[in-house]
Structure formats: C-alpha cells, structure tokens
N, C-alpha and C. Protein backbone atom coordinates (compact mmCIF):
# COMPACT_ATOMS: atom_id res chain seq x y z
N MET A 1 88.75 72.39 102.41
CA MET A 1 89.45 73.12 101.94
C MET A 1 89.32 74.11 100.75
N ALA A 2 89.75 75.53 101.12
CA ALA A 2 88.96 76.49 100.20
C ALA A 2 89.87 76.15 98.74
N ALA A 3 89.06 76.62 97.81
CA ALA A 3 89.92 76.50 96.50
C ALA A 3 90.54 77.73 96.28
N LEU A 4 91.82 77.53 95.71
CA LEU A 4 92.64 78.97 95.05
C LEU A 4 92.22 79.18 93.79
N HIS A 5 92.31 80.55 94.15
CA HIS A 5 91.95 81.22 92.91
C HIS A 5 93.01 81.78 92.22
N GLN A 6 93.21 81.94 90.84
CA GLN A 6 94.37 82.33 90.21
C GLN A 6 94.21 83.83 90.12
N LEU A 7 95.58 84.38 90.88
CA LEU A 7 95.30 86.01 90.72
C LEU A 7 95.47 86.68 89.21
N SER A 8 94.90 87.60 88.83
CA SER A 8 95.14 88.11 87.57
C SER A 8 96.37 89.02 87.67
N PRO A 9 96.91 89.32 86.51
CA PRO A 9 97.92 90.09 86.01
C PRO A 9 97.81 91.45 86.47
N LYS A 10 98.73 92.09 87.14
CA LYS A 10 98.37 93.61 87.11
C LYS A 10 97.92 94.14 86.17
N SER A 11 97.31 95.28 86.10
CA SER A 11 96.75 96.06 84.83
C SER A 11 98.02 96.77 84.30
N SER A 12 97.75 97.04 82.74
CA SER A 12 98.93 98.06 82.29
C SER A 12 98.81 99.26 82.67
N ARG A 13 99.65 100.22 82.90
CA ARG A 13 99.86 101.48 83.11
C ARG A 13 98.71 102.50 82.32
N ALA A 14 98.53 102.07 81.22
CA ALA A 14 97.25 102.82 80.63
C ALA A 14 95.93 102.50 81.13
N GLU A 15 96.01 100.99 81.35
CA GLU A 15 94.69 100.66 82.26
C GLU A 15 94.31 101.46 83.33
N SER A 16 95.48 101.38 84.12
CA SER A 16 95.39 102.18 85.39
C SER A 16 95.05 103.52 85.31
N GLY A 17 95.73 104.31 84.47
CA GLY A 17 95.73 105.83 84.17
C GLY A 17 94.29 106.08 83.90
N ALA A 18 93.56 104.87 82.84
CA ALA A 18 91.99 105.11 82.37
C ALA A 18 91.10 105.08 83.56
N LYS A 19 91.30 103.99 84.59
CA LYS A 19 90.77 103.95 85.93
C LYS A 19 90.61 105.23 86.45
N ASN A 20 92.01 105.73 86.74
CA ASN A 20 92.13 106.87 87.60
C ASN A 20 91.38 107.81 86.88
N THR A 21 91.47 108.48 85.93
CA THR A 21 90.92 109.51 84.93
C THR A 21 89.15 109.26 85.51
N ALA A 22 88.53 107.90 85.03
CA ALA A 22 87.35 107.83 85.35
C ALA A 22 86.79 108.04 86.49
N LEU A 23 87.80 107.79 87.66
CA LEU A 23 87.44 107.79 89.22
C LEU A 23 87.41 109.46 89.22
N CYS A 24 88.45 109.95 88.84
CA CYS A 24 88.60 111.71 89.03
C CYS A 24 87.43 112.50 88.30
N LYS A 25 86.89 111.99 87.29
CA LYS A 25 85.57 112.30 86.65
C LYS A 25 84.32 112.29 87.52
N LEU A 26 84.29 111.20 87.99
CA LEU A 26 83.27 110.70 89.05
C LEU A 26 83.12 111.67 90.31
N PHE A 27 84.34 111.69 90.91
CA PHE A 27 84.63 112.66 92.09
C PHE A 27 84.38 114.19 91.53
N ASP A 28 84.56 114.67 90.51
CA ASP A 28 84.54 115.93 90.38
C ASP A 28 82.74 116.16 90.18
N ALA A 29 82.10 115.00 89.44
CA ALA A 29 80.70 115.19 89.24
C ALA A 29 80.15 115.13 90.30
N GLU A 30 80.45 114.43 91.32
CA GLU A 30 79.81 114.12 92.71
C GLU A 30 79.82 115.48 93.80
N THR A 31 81.05 115.96 93.21
CA THR A 31 81.47 117.08 94.60
C THR A 31 81.52 118.57 93.53
N ASP A 32 80.98 118.63 92.38
CA ASP A 32 81.12 119.85 91.32
C ASP A 32 82.50 120.53 91.73
N HIS A 33 83.29 119.66 91.23
CA HIS A 33 84.74 119.82 91.08
C HIS A 33 85.14 120.20 92.49
N GLY A 34 85.11 119.48 93.39
CA GLY A 34 85.58 119.80 94.82
C GLY A 34 84.93 120.93 95.60
N GLN A 35 83.84 121.60 95.14
CA GLN A 35 83.06 122.79 95.49
C GLN A 35 81.92 122.62 96.69
N ASN A 36 81.47 121.35 96.48
CA ASN A 36 80.60 120.79 97.41
C ASN A 36 81.03 119.67 98.08
N MET A 37 81.63 119.43 99.18
CA MET A 37 82.13 118.30 99.91
C MET A 37 81.15 117.50 100.75
N SER A 38 79.86 118.00 100.73
CA SER A 38 79.04 117.52 101.83
C SER A 38 79.00 116.09 101.75
N SER A 39 79.12 115.40 101.10
CA SER A 39 78.92 114.09 101.05
C SER A 39 80.27 113.33 101.83
N TYR A 40 81.32 113.91 101.67
CA TYR A 40 82.35 113.77 102.40
C TYR A 40 82.54 114.17 103.64
N SER A 41 82.08 115.29 103.82
CA SER A 41 82.20 116.06 105.24
C SER A 41 81.24 115.74 106.23
N ALA A 42 80.02 115.03 106.01
CA ALA A 42 79.26 114.38 107.28
C ALA A 42 79.80 113.01 107.68
N PRO A 43 80.57 112.10 106.80
CA PRO A 43 80.98 111.32 107.56
C PRO A 43 82.43 111.27 108.17
N LEU A 44 83.16 112.69 107.81
CA LEU A 44 84.38 113.23 108.52
C LEU A 44 83.81 113.82 109.98
N ASP A 45 82.57 114.37 109.85
CA ASP A 45 82.08 115.03 111.02
C ASP A 45 81.70 114.09 111.81
N GLN A 46 81.24 112.92 111.50
CA GLN A 46 80.91 111.80 112.58
C GLN A 46 82.14 111.36 113.15
N ALA A 47 83.33 111.02 112.58
CA ALA A 47 84.01 110.34 112.94
C ALA A 47 84.88 111.46 114.10
N VAL A 48 84.94 112.64 113.71
CA VAL A 48 85.51 113.66 114.74
C VAL A 48 84.61 113.67 115.99
N ALA A 49 83.47 113.47 115.80
CA ALA A 49 82.45 113.40 116.93
C ALA A 49 82.75 112.29 117.72
N ALA A 50 83.06 111.03 117.34
CA ALA A 50 83.31 109.96 118.32
C ALA A 50 84.64 110.14 118.69
N ILE A 51 85.76 110.78 118.10
CA ILE A 51 86.95 111.23 118.82
C ILE A 51 86.71 111.77 119.75
N VAL A 52 86.05 112.98 119.65
CA VAL A 52 85.64 113.86 120.80
C VAL A 52 85.03 113.47 122.07
N ALA A 53 83.79 112.47 121.79
CA ALA A 53 83.29 111.76 122.83
C ALA A 53 84.22 110.90 123.58
N GLN A 54 84.93 110.20 122.89
CA GLN A 54 85.95 109.18 123.30
C GLN A 54 87.11 109.99 124.40
N PHE A 55 87.73 110.91 124.08
CA PHE A 55 88.21 112.01 124.61
C PHE A 55 87.66 112.49 126.06
N ALA A 56 86.52 112.72 125.48
CA ALA A 56 85.93 113.22 127.05
C ALA A 56 85.63 111.99 128.20
N ARG A 57 85.22 110.78 127.76
CA ARG A 57 85.22 109.80 128.25
C ARG A 57 86.42 109.40 129.14
N LYS A 58 87.49 109.38 128.30
CA LYS A 58 88.68 109.14 129.06
C LYS A 58 89.13 110.23 130.00
N ASN A 59 88.55 111.47 129.96
CA ASN A 59 89.26 112.55 130.34
C ASN A 59 88.33 112.69 131.74
N ALA A 60 86.83 112.37 131.74
CA ALA A 60 86.13 112.00 132.95
C ALA A 60 86.57 110.70 133.73
N ALA A 61 87.05 109.84 133.06
CA ALA A 61 87.68 108.62 133.75
C ALA A 61 88.87 108.79 134.67
N ASN A 62 89.56 109.77 134.31
CA ASN A 62 90.77 110.17 134.91
C ASN A 62 90.47 110.75 136.44
N LEU A 63 89.34 111.29 136.56
CA LEU A 63 89.04 112.04 137.61
C LEU A 63 88.92 110.96 138.89
N PHE A 64 88.48 109.63 138.11
CA PHE A 64 88.10 108.48 139.42
C PHE A 64 89.35 107.53 139.16
N ALA A 65 90.53 108.01 138.79
CA ALA A 65 91.58 107.08 138.86
C ALA A 65 92.51 107.04 140.08
N GLY A 66 91.77 107.70 141.22
CA GLY A 66 92.58 107.54 142.43
C GLY A 66 92.93 108.88 142.77
N ARG A 67 93.85 109.08 143.59
CA ARG A 67 94.52 110.40 143.96
C ARG A 67 95.19 110.97 142.88
N GLY A 68 95.97 110.34 141.79
CA GLY A 68 96.47 110.78 141.10
C GLY A 68 95.86 111.32 139.54
N GLY A 69 94.39 111.35 139.92
CA GLY A 69 93.73 111.54 138.54
C GLY A 69 93.62 113.02 138.31
N LYS A 70 94.00 113.29 137.07
CA LYS A 70 93.90 114.65 136.53
C LYS A 70 92.97 114.68 135.43
N LEU A 71 92.70 116.34 135.26
CA LEU A 71 91.72 116.41 133.99
C LEU A 71 92.96 117.15 133.09
N VAL A 72 92.76 117.05 131.69
CA VAL A 72 93.72 117.61 130.81
C VAL A 72 93.10 118.91 130.74
N ASP A 73 94.20 119.92 130.45
CA ASP A 73 94.05 121.48 130.64
C ASP A 73 92.68 121.63 129.45
N ALA A 74 91.99 122.34 129.95
CA ALA A 74 90.63 122.60 128.91
C ALA A 74 91.49 123.13 127.60
N SER A 75 92.42 123.98 127.47
CA SER A 75 92.88 124.53 126.15
C SER A 75 93.73 123.27 125.43
N LYS A 76 93.64 122.16 125.94
CA LYS A 76 94.33 121.03 125.11
C LYS A 76 93.21 119.92 124.66
N THR A 77 91.81 120.12 125.04
CA THR A 77 91.08 119.14 125.04
C THR A 77 90.69 119.48 123.46
N VAL A 78 90.02 118.21 122.91
CA VAL A 78 89.56 118.32 121.43
C VAL A 78 88.11 118.56 122.01
N LYS A 79 87.45 119.53 121.21
CA LYS A 79 86.23 119.91 121.15
C LYS A 79 85.33 119.75 120.00
N ASN A 80 85.85 120.25 118.92
CA ASN A 80 84.96 119.92 117.59
C ASN A 80 86.04 119.64 116.44
N ASN A 81 85.58 119.74 115.15
CA ASN A 81 86.51 119.21 113.97
C ASN A 81 87.28 120.49 113.58
N LYS A 82 86.91 121.79 114.42
CA LYS A 82 87.84 122.72 114.12
C LYS A 82 89.32 122.93 114.54
N ASP A 83 89.46 121.70 115.67
CA ASP A 83 90.39 121.39 116.66
C ASP A 83 91.59 120.53 115.67
N PHE A 84 90.98 120.28 114.66
CA PHE A 84 91.91 119.14 113.65
C PHE A 84 92.23 119.95 112.37
N GLU A 85 93.29 119.43 111.65
CA GLU A 85 93.61 119.95 110.38
C GLU A 85 93.42 118.90 109.37
N LEU A 86 92.54 119.29 108.16
CA LEU A 86 92.42 118.23 107.24
C LEU A 86 93.53 118.22 106.03
N ILE A 87 94.29 117.20 106.25
CA ILE A 87 95.44 117.35 105.05
C ILE A 87 95.20 117.06 103.87
N THR A 88 94.25 116.25 103.78
CA THR A 88 93.53 115.41 102.19
C THR A 88 92.38 114.99 102.82
N TRP A 89 91.61 114.59 101.68
CA TRP A 89 90.25 113.99 101.67
C TRP A 89 90.34 112.54 101.57
N PRO A 90 90.28 111.40 102.46
CA PRO A 90 90.27 110.12 101.90
C PRO A 90 88.80 109.82 101.16
N VAL A 91 89.23 109.48 100.20
CA VAL A 91 87.86 108.77 99.42
C VAL A 91 88.21 107.41 98.67
N ILE A 92 87.60 106.74 98.91
CA ILE A 92 87.15 105.15 98.84
C ILE A 92 86.18 104.68 97.99
N LYS A 93 86.57 104.33 96.62
CA LYS A 93 85.53 103.79 95.95
C LYS A 93 85.64 102.35 95.58
C-alpha cells in the first residue's frame, strides 16, 4: 500500500506573487521581453504541422469511405500555422 503524504498548506498571496514575478522575469530574460519568441514558436510550429498532417490523412481517408466519400473544400483545409490565430502563448515551467 502506498504511503500517503501530507499536503503542504497553500502558499500565501505574497509568496505566490513573488513566484509569479520571478517567472515573469525569467520569461522576459528568455524572450528579450517577448521580442524573440523562437524558443516557443518551434514547438508551436511542430504542433500545427501535426494537426495539418492529421487533417490531410483524414481528408484522404474520406476518398475511400465508399460512394459517399467527399473531400473537404480546399478553401477550408488547414495548410499551415497561418490558418490559426494565436490568442495567447501557453508557457509551462
């Protein structure tokens, strides 16, 4: 049977604020205050490429789905990261 660990109490707001400030400073240092997002753009581009590939596979599979198989209109297909709107940068540390 696994041992149970006592959970530590939630940190105070001051501690939480200090941690957030430290993370913001780290992010600013890594990205030149948001001007150089290349370290975050590469994983985002990989994710979009995976979505595009999956969409293409499903679209091609539709051709072989029998008589009712249809291709998605070319104007509605996902082609690259320009087909998406980035709302915020997800940053996990």
